[in-house]
């Protein structure tokens, strides 16, 4: 089997995080994490699926050299 695309880490194991990870797993290497501190060093992209009021704090704790995407509706 050919290797799938980049390793994407999904932070947040709520409804959105679980469904997003499930939908992407056929195309990318996906890992899910309940905490930002659990991100593996092999991750190339991080999708943050946490409540809006926790997004800034979680993103600040992540490695800044990676592509970080958040799903917060109230933040730019």
PDB file of N, CA and C in Angstrom:
ATOM      1  N   UNK A   1       0.848  -1.187   0.000  1.00  0.00           N
ATOM      2  CA  UNK A   1       0.000   0.000   0.000  1.00  0.00           C
ATOM      3  C   UNK A   1       0.887   1.241   0.000  1.00  0.00           C
ATOM      4  N   UNK A   2       0.553   2.190  -0.835  1.00  0.00           N
ATOM      5  CA  UNK A   2       1.328   3.428  -0.907  1.00  0.00           C
ATOM      6  C   UNK A   2       1.147   4.225   0.376  1.00  0.00           C
ATOM      7  N   UNK A   3       2.203   4.922   0.751  1.00  0.00           N
ATOM      8  CA  UNK A   3       2.120   5.749   1.956  1.00  0.00           C
ATOM      9  C   UNK A   3       1.171   6.910   1.715  1.00  0.00           C
ATOM     10  N   UNK A   4       0.367   7.187   2.720  1.00  0.00           N
ATOM     11  CA  UNK A   4      -0.584   8.292   2.618  1.00  0.00           C
ATOM     12  C   UNK A   4       0.137   9.611   2.812  1.00  0.00           C
ATOM     13  N   UNK A   5      -0.558  10.701   2.584  1.00  0.00           N
ATOM     14  CA  UNK A   5      -0.007  12.050   2.663  1.00  0.00           C
ATOM     15  C   UNK A   5       0.609  12.385   3.999  1.00  0.00           C
ATOM     16  N   UNK A   6       0.768  13.667   4.279  1.00  0.00           N
ATOM     17  CA  UNK A   6       1.463  14.106   5.495  1.00  0.00           C
ATOM     18  C   UNK A   6       0.771  13.631   6.770  1.00  0.00           C
ATOM     19  N   UNK A   7       1.548  13.594   7.833  1.00  0.00           N
ATOM     20  CA  UNK A   7       1.022  13.220   9.154  1.00  0.00           C
ATOM     21  C   UNK A   7       0.305  14.429   9.731  1.00  0.00           C
ATOM     22  N   UNK A   8      -0.975  14.263   9.999  1.00  0.00           N
ATOM     23  CA  UNK A   8      -1.795  15.319  10.575  1.00  0.00           C
ATOM     24  C   UNK A   8      -2.189  14.910  11.985  1.00  0.00           C
ATOM     25  N   UNK A   9      -1.942  15.791  12.930  1.00  0.00           N
ATOM     26  CA  UNK A   9      -2.344  15.559  14.314  1.00  0.00           C
ATOM     27  C   UNK A   9      -3.581  16.398  14.598  1.00  0.00           C
ATOM     28  N   UNK A  10      -4.615  15.768  15.102  1.00  0.00           N
ATOM     29  CA  UNK A  10      -5.845  16.464  15.467  1.00  0.00           C
ATOM     30  C   UNK A  10      -5.879  16.580  16.984  1.00  0.00           C
ATOM     31  N   UNK A  11      -5.899  17.818  17.480  1.00  0.00           N
ATOM     32  CA  UNK A  11      -5.962  18.068  18.925  1.00  0.00           C
ATOM     33  C   UNK A  11      -7.410  18.354  19.287  1.00  0.00           C
ATOM     34  N   UNK A  12      -7.941  17.576  20.187  1.00  0.00           N
ATOM     35  CA  UNK A  12      -9.335  17.710  20.598  1.00  0.00           C
ATOM     36  C   UNK A  12     -10.097  16.480  20.169  1.00  0.00           C
ATOM     37  N   UNK A  13     -10.638  15.771  21.122  1.00  0.00           N
ATOM     38  CA  UNK A  13     -11.327  14.521  20.819  1.00  0.00           C
ATOM     39  C   UNK A  13     -12.832  14.636  20.990  1.00  0.00           C
ATOM     40  N   UNK A  14     -13.333  15.838  20.788  1.00  0.00           N
ATOM     41  CA  UNK A  14     -14.778  16.047  20.819  1.00  0.00           C
ATOM     42  C   UNK A  14     -15.402  15.611  19.504  1.00  0.00           C
ATOM     43  N   UNK A  15     -16.639  15.979  19.300  1.00  0.00           N
ATOM     44  CA  UNK A  15     -17.392  15.578  18.120  1.00  0.00           C
ATOM     45  C   UNK A  15     -16.697  15.988  16.820  1.00  0.00           C
ATOM     46  N   UNK A  16     -16.315  17.251  16.704  1.00  0.00           N
ATOM     47  CA  UNK A  16     -15.671  17.723  15.478  1.00  0.00           C
ATOM     48  C   UNK A  16     -14.320  17.044  15.260  1.00  0.00           C
ATOM     49  N   UNK A  17     -13.496  16.981  16.292  1.00  0.00           N
ATOM     50  CA  UNK A  17     -12.184  16.357  16.161  1.00  0.00           C
ATOM     51  C   UNK A  17     -12.268  14.912  15.719  1.00  0.00           C
ATOM     52  N   UNK A  18     -13.184  14.152  16.295  1.00  0.00           N
ATOM     53  CA  UNK A  18     -13.326  12.741  15.939  1.00  0.00           C
ATOM     54  C   UNK A  18     -13.824  12.568  14.510  1.00  0.00           C
ATOM     55  N   UNK A  19     -14.799  13.362  14.111  1.00  0.00           N
ATOM     56  CA  UNK A  19     -15.335  13.229  12.755  1.00  0.00           C
ATOM     57  C   UNK A  19     -14.346  13.721  11.702  1.00  0.00           C
ATOM     58  N   UNK A  20     -13.646  14.781  11.997  1.00  0.00           N
ATOM     59  CA  UNK A  20     -12.639  15.287  11.071  1.00  0.00           C
ATOM     60  C   UNK A  20     -11.530  14.257  10.879  1.00  0.00           C
ATOM     61  N   UNK A  21     -11.040  13.700  11.971  1.00  0.00           N
ATOM     62  CA  UNK A  21      -9.996  12.673  11.896  1.00  0.00           C
ATOM     63  C   UNK A  21     -10.492  11.457  11.120  1.00  0.00           C
ATOM     64  N   UNK A  22     -11.714  11.043  11.385  1.00  0.00           N
ATOM     65  CA  UNK A  22     -12.275   9.889  10.681  1.00  0.00           C
ATOM     66  C   UNK A  22     -12.408  10.128   9.187  1.00  0.00           C
ATOM     67  N   UNK A  23     -12.804  11.328   8.809  1.00  0.00           N
ATOM     68  CA  UNK A  23     -12.952  11.648   7.393  1.00  0.00           C
ATOM     69  C   UNK A  23     -11.636  11.773   6.648  1.00  0.00           C
ATOM     70  N   UNK A  24     -10.588  12.160   7.345  1.00  0.00           N
ATOM     71  CA  UNK A  24      -9.281  12.362   6.708  1.00  0.00           C
ATOM     72  C   UNK A  24      -8.397  11.119   6.709  1.00  0.00           C
ATOM     73  N   UNK A  25      -8.738  10.109   7.521  1.00  0.00           N
ATOM     74  CA  UNK A  25      -7.829   8.983   7.712  1.00  0.00           C
ATOM     75  C   UNK A  25      -7.572   8.148   6.462  1.00  0.00           C
ATOM     76  N   UNK A  26      -8.440   8.207   5.465  1.00  0.00           N
ATOM     77  CA  UNK A  26      -8.192   7.467   4.231  1.00  0.00           C
ATOM     78  C   UNK A  26      -7.185   8.159   3.324  1.00  0.00           C
ATOM     79  N   UNK A  27      -6.883   9.406   3.610  1.00  0.00           N
ATOM     80  CA  UNK A  27      -6.014  10.189   2.745  1.00  0.00           C
ATOM     81  C   UNK A  27      -4.711  10.625   3.402  1.00  0.00           C
ATOM     82  N   UNK A  28      -4.697  10.686   4.723  1.00  0.00           N
ATOM     83  CA  UNK A  28      -3.537  11.178   5.463  1.00  0.00           C
ATOM     84  C   UNK A  28      -3.238  10.264   6.640  1.00  0.00           C
ATOM     85  N   UNK A  29      -2.038  10.376   7.157  1.00  0.00           N
ATOM     86  CA  UNK A  29      -1.685   9.708   8.401  1.00  0.00           C
ATOM     87  C   UNK A  29      -2.258  10.570   9.522  1.00  0.00           C
ATOM     88  N   UNK A  30      -3.186  10.041  10.285  1.00  0.00           N
ATOM     89  CA  UNK A  30      -3.893  10.818  11.301  1.00  0.00           C
ATOM     90  C   UNK A  30      -3.615  10.261  12.688  1.00  0.00           C
ATOM     91  N   UNK A  31      -3.355  11.156  13.626  1.00  0.00           N
ATOM     92  CA  UNK A  31      -3.350  10.787  15.038  1.00  0.00           C
ATOM     93  C   UNK A  31      -4.228  11.795  15.764  1.00  0.00           C
ATOM     94  N   UNK A  32      -4.910  11.332  16.793  1.00  0.00           N
ATOM     95  CA  UNK A  32      -5.756  12.230  17.575  1.00  0.00           C
ATOM     96  C   UNK A  32      -5.187  12.350  18.982  1.00  0.00           C
ATOM     97  N   UNK A  33      -5.364  13.522  19.549  1.00  0.00           N
ATOM     98  CA  UNK A  33      -4.769  13.825  20.847  1.00  0.00           C
ATOM     99  C   UNK A  33      -5.733  14.658  21.666  1.00  0.00           C
ATOM    100  N   UNK A  34      -5.856  14.306  22.921  1.00  0.00           N
ATOM    101  CA  UNK A  34      -6.709  15.068  23.818  1.00  0.00           C
ATOM    102  C   UNK A  34      -6.018  16.309  24.347  1.00  0.00           C
ATOM    103  N   UNK A  35      -4.691  16.311  24.271  1.00  0.00           N
ATOM    104  CA  UNK A  35      -3.914  17.437  24.803  1.00  0.00           C
ATOM    105  C   UNK A  35      -2.828  17.824  23.804  1.00  0.00           C
ATOM    106  N   UNK A  36      -2.523  19.109  23.738  1.00  0.00           N
ATOM    107  CA  UNK A  36      -1.493  19.603  22.822  1.00  0.00           C
ATOM    108  C   UNK A  36      -0.119  19.042  23.165  1.00  0.00           C
ATOM    109  N   UNK A  37       0.107  18.682  24.421  1.00  0.00           N
ATOM    110  CA  UNK A  37       1.417  18.179  24.835  1.00  0.00           C
ATOM    111  C   UNK A  37       1.717  16.801  24.276  1.00  0.00           C
ATOM    112  N   UNK A  38       0.706  16.119  23.757  1.00  0.00           N
ATOM    113  CA  UNK A  38       0.874  14.762  23.251  1.00  0.00           C
ATOM    114  C   UNK A  38       1.249  14.702  21.772  1.00  0.00           C
ATOM    115  N   UNK A  39       1.465  15.828  21.124  1.00  0.00           N
ATOM    116  CA  UNK A  39       1.719  15.856  19.683  1.00  0.00           C
ATOM    117  C   UNK A  39       3.035  15.152  19.367  1.00  0.00           C
ATOM    118  N   UNK A  40       3.013  14.169  18.458  1.00  0.00           N
ATOM    119  CA  UNK A  40       4.256  13.485  18.098  1.00  0.00           C
ATOM    120  C   UNK A  40       5.156  14.368  17.236  1.00  0.00           C
ATOM    121  N   UNK A  41       6.436  14.105  17.284  1.00  0.00           N
ATOM    122  CA  UNK A  41       7.392  14.908  16.515  1.00  0.00           C
ATOM    123  C   UNK A  41       7.267  14.677  15.017  1.00  0.00           C
ATOM    124  N   UNK A  42       6.557  13.649  14.604  1.00  0.00           N
ATOM    125  CA  UNK A  42       6.402  13.363  13.177  1.00  0.00           C
ATOM    126  C   UNK A  42       5.267  14.151  12.529  1.00  0.00           C
ATOM    127  N   UNK A  43       4.470  14.847  13.323  1.00  0.00           N
ATOM    128  CA  UNK A  43       3.341  15.606  12.774  1.00  0.00           C
ATOM    129  C   UNK A  43       3.853  16.765  11.920  1.00  0.00           C
ATOM    130  N   UNK A  44       3.208  16.964  10.776  1.00  0.00           N
ATOM    131  CA  UNK A  44       3.552  18.068   9.882  1.00  0.00           C
ATOM    132  C   UNK A  44       2.488  19.159   9.909  1.00  0.00           C
ATOM    133  N   UNK A  45       1.273  18.772  10.218  1.00  0.00           N
ATOM    134  CA  UNK A  45       0.139  19.690  10.284  1.00  0.00           C
ATOM    135  C   UNK A  45      -0.621  19.382  11.569  1.00  0.00           C
ATOM    136  N   UNK A  46      -1.083  20.423  12.245  1.00  0.00           N
ATOM    137  CA  UNK A  46      -1.877  20.238  13.456  1.00  0.00           C
ATOM    138  C   UNK A  46      -3.213  20.940  13.261  1.00  0.00           C
ATOM    139  N   UNK A  47      -4.297  20.206  13.472  1.00  0.00           N
ATOM    140  CA  UNK A  47      -5.633  20.785  13.420  1.00  0.00           C
ATOM    141  C   UNK A  47      -6.145  20.864  14.852  1.00  0.00           C
ATOM    142  N   UNK A  48      -6.454  22.070  15.295  1.00  0.00           N
ATOM    143  CA  UNK A  48      -6.889  22.304  16.672  1.00  0.00           C
ATOM    144  C   UNK A  48      -8.415  22.378  16.699  1.00  0.00           C
ATOM    145  N   UNK A  49      -9.036  21.399  17.343  1.00  0.00           N
ATOM    146  CA  UNK A  49     -10.498  21.308  17.444  1.00  0.00           C
ATOM    147  C   UNK A  49     -10.898  21.359  18.911  1.00  0.00           C
ATOM    148  N   UNK A  50     -10.684  22.503  19.507  1.00  0.00           N
ATOM    149  CA  UNK A  50     -11.019  22.693  20.921  1.00  0.00           C
ATOM    150  C   UNK A  50     -12.009  23.848  21.016  1.00  0.00           C
ATOM    151  N   UNK A  51     -12.655  24.019  22.168  1.00  0.00           N
ATOM    152  CA  UNK A  51     -13.574  25.157  22.313  1.00  0.00           C
ATOM    153  C   UNK A  51     -12.873  26.489  22.021  1.00  0.00           C
ATOM    154  N   UNK A  52     -13.631  27.438  21.493  1.00  0.00           N
ATOM    155  CA  UNK A  52     -13.075  28.738  21.108  1.00  0.00           C
ATOM    156  C   UNK A  52     -12.255  29.385  22.217  1.00  0.00           C
ATOM    157  N   UNK A  53     -12.727  29.298  23.459  1.00  0.00           N
ATOM    158  CA  UNK A  53     -12.019  29.973  24.548  1.00  0.00           C
ATOM    159  C   UNK A  53     -10.709  29.287  24.938  1.00  0.00           C
ATOM    160  N   UNK A  54     -10.439  28.106  24.404  1.00  0.00           N
ATOM    161  CA  UNK A  54      -9.181  27.404  24.688  1.00  0.00           C
ATOM    162  C   UNK A  54      -8.213  27.439  23.510  1.00  0.00           C
ATOM    163  N   UNK A  55      -8.663  27.935  22.371  1.00  0.00           N
ATOM    164  CA  UNK A  55      -7.860  27.870  21.149  1.00  0.00           C
ATOM    165  C   UNK A  55      -6.531  28.602  21.268  1.00  0.00           C
ATOM    166  N   UNK A  56      -6.531  29.833  21.752  1.00  0.00           N
ATOM    167  CA  UNK A  56      -5.278  30.596  21.845  1.00  0.00           C
ATOM    168  C   UNK A  56      -4.264  29.912  22.748  1.00  0.00           C
ATOM    169  N   UNK A  57      -4.710  29.426  23.885  1.00  0.00           N
ATOM    170  CA  UNK A  57      -3.806  28.764  24.830  1.00  0.00           C
ATOM    171  C   UNK A  57      -3.222  27.485  24.232  1.00  0.00           C
ATOM    172  N   UNK A  58      -4.049  26.704  23.573  1.00  0.00           N
ATOM    173  CA  UNK A  58      -3.575  25.460  22.960  1.00  0.00           C
ATOM    174  C   UNK A  58      -2.593  25.769  21.836  1.00  0.00           C
ATOM    175  N   UNK A  59      -2.926  26.711  20.968  1.00  0.00           N
ATOM    176  CA  UNK A  59      -2.037  27.056  19.852  1.00  0.00           C
ATOM    177  C   UNK A  59      -0.698  27.591  20.342  1.00  0.00           C
ATOM    178  N   UNK A  60      -0.700  28.339  21.430  1.00  0.00           N
ATOM    179  CA  UNK A  60       0.549  28.875  21.981  1.00  0.00           C
ATOM    180  C   UNK A  60       1.458  27.768  22.499  1.00  0.00           C
ATOM    181  N   UNK A  61       0.888  26.638  22.888  1.00  0.00           N
ATOM    182  CA  UNK A  61       1.673  25.523  23.420  1.00  0.00           C
ATOM    183  C   UNK A  61       2.230  24.612  22.326  1.00  0.00           C
ATOM    184  N   UNK A  62       1.838  24.843  21.089  1.00  0.00           N
ATOM    185  CA  UNK A  62       2.260  23.977  19.982  1.00  0.00           C
ATOM    186  C   UNK A  62       3.558  24.472  19.356  1.00  0.00           C
ATOM    187  N   UNK A  63       4.300  23.569  18.710  1.00  0.00           N
ATOM    188  CA  UNK A  63       5.518  23.988  18.001  1.00  0.00           C
ATOM    189  C   UNK A  63       5.153  24.975  16.892  1.00  0.00           C
ATOM    190  N   UNK A  64       5.787  26.117  16.868  1.00  0.00           N
ATOM    191  CA  UNK A  64       5.419  27.181  15.938  1.00  0.00           C
ATOM    192  C   UNK A  64       5.968  26.990  14.528  1.00  0.00           C
ATOM    193  N   UNK A  65       6.816  25.991  14.318  1.00  0.00           N
ATOM    194  CA  UNK A  65       7.359  25.758  12.979  1.00  0.00           C
ATOM    195  C   UNK A  65       6.431  24.891  12.124  1.00  0.00           C
ATOM    196  N   UNK A  66       5.347  24.411  12.705  1.00  0.00           N
ATOM    197  CA  UNK A  66       4.407  23.564  11.976  1.00  0.00           C
ATOM    198  C   UNK A  66       3.213  24.376  11.487  1.00  0.00           C
ATOM    199  N   UNK A  67       2.533  23.851  10.490  1.00  0.00           N
ATOM    200  CA  UNK A  67       1.286  24.457  10.033  1.00  0.00           C
ATOM    201  C   UNK A  67       0.212  24.123  11.062  1.00  0.00           C
ATOM    202  N   UNK A  68      -0.409  25.155  11.627  1.00  0.00           N
ATOM    203  CA  UNK A  68      -1.448  24.977  12.640  1.00  0.00           C
ATOM    204  C   UNK A  68      -2.745  25.560  12.095  1.00  0.00           C
ATOM    205  N   UNK A  69      -3.799  24.757  12.117  1.00  0.00           N
ATOM    206  CA  UNK A  69      -5.118  25.166  11.650  1.00  0.00           C
ATOM    207  C   UNK A  69      -6.075  25.022  12.824  1.00  0.00           C
ATOM    208  N   UNK A  70      -6.958  26.004  13.029  1.00  0.00           N
ATOM    209  CA  UNK A  70      -7.942  25.863  14.106  1.00  0.00           C
ATOM    210  C   UNK A  70      -9.351  25.933  13.538  1.00  0.00           C
ATOM    211  N   UNK A  71     -10.283  25.426  14.295  1.00  0.00           N
ATOM    212  CA  UNK A  71     -11.676  25.384  13.855  1.00  0.00           C
ATOM    213  C   UNK A  71     -12.560  26.348  14.642  1.00  0.00           C
ATOM    214  N   UNK A  72     -11.944  27.258  15.384  1.00  0.00           N
ATOM    215  CA  UNK A  72     -12.712  28.210  16.194  1.00  0.00           C
ATOM    216  C   UNK A  72     -13.509  29.144  15.291  1.00  0.00           C
ATOM    217  N   UNK A  73     -14.770  29.304  15.605  1.00  0.00           N
ATOM    218  CA  UNK A  73     -15.613  30.173  14.802  1.00  0.00           C
ATOM    219  C   UNK A  73     -15.524  31.637  15.182  1.00  0.00           C
ATOM    220  N   UNK A  74     -15.037  31.929  16.379  1.00  0.00           N
ATOM    221  CA  UNK A  74     -15.016  33.304  16.870  1.00  0.00           C
ATOM    222  C   UNK A  74     -13.647  33.969  16.760  1.00  0.00           C
ATOM    223  N   UNK A  75     -12.659  33.262  16.214  1.00  0.00           N
ATOM    224  CA  UNK A  75     -11.300  33.811  16.119  1.00  0.00           C
ATOM    225  C   UNK A  75     -10.844  33.877  14.672  1.00  0.00           C
ATOM    226  N   UNK A  76      -9.954  34.841  14.357  1.00  0.00           N
ATOM    227  CA  UNK A  76      -9.432  34.930  12.981  1.00  0.00           C
ATOM    228  C   UNK A  76      -8.427  33.825  12.699  1.00  0.00           C
TER     229      UNK A  76
END
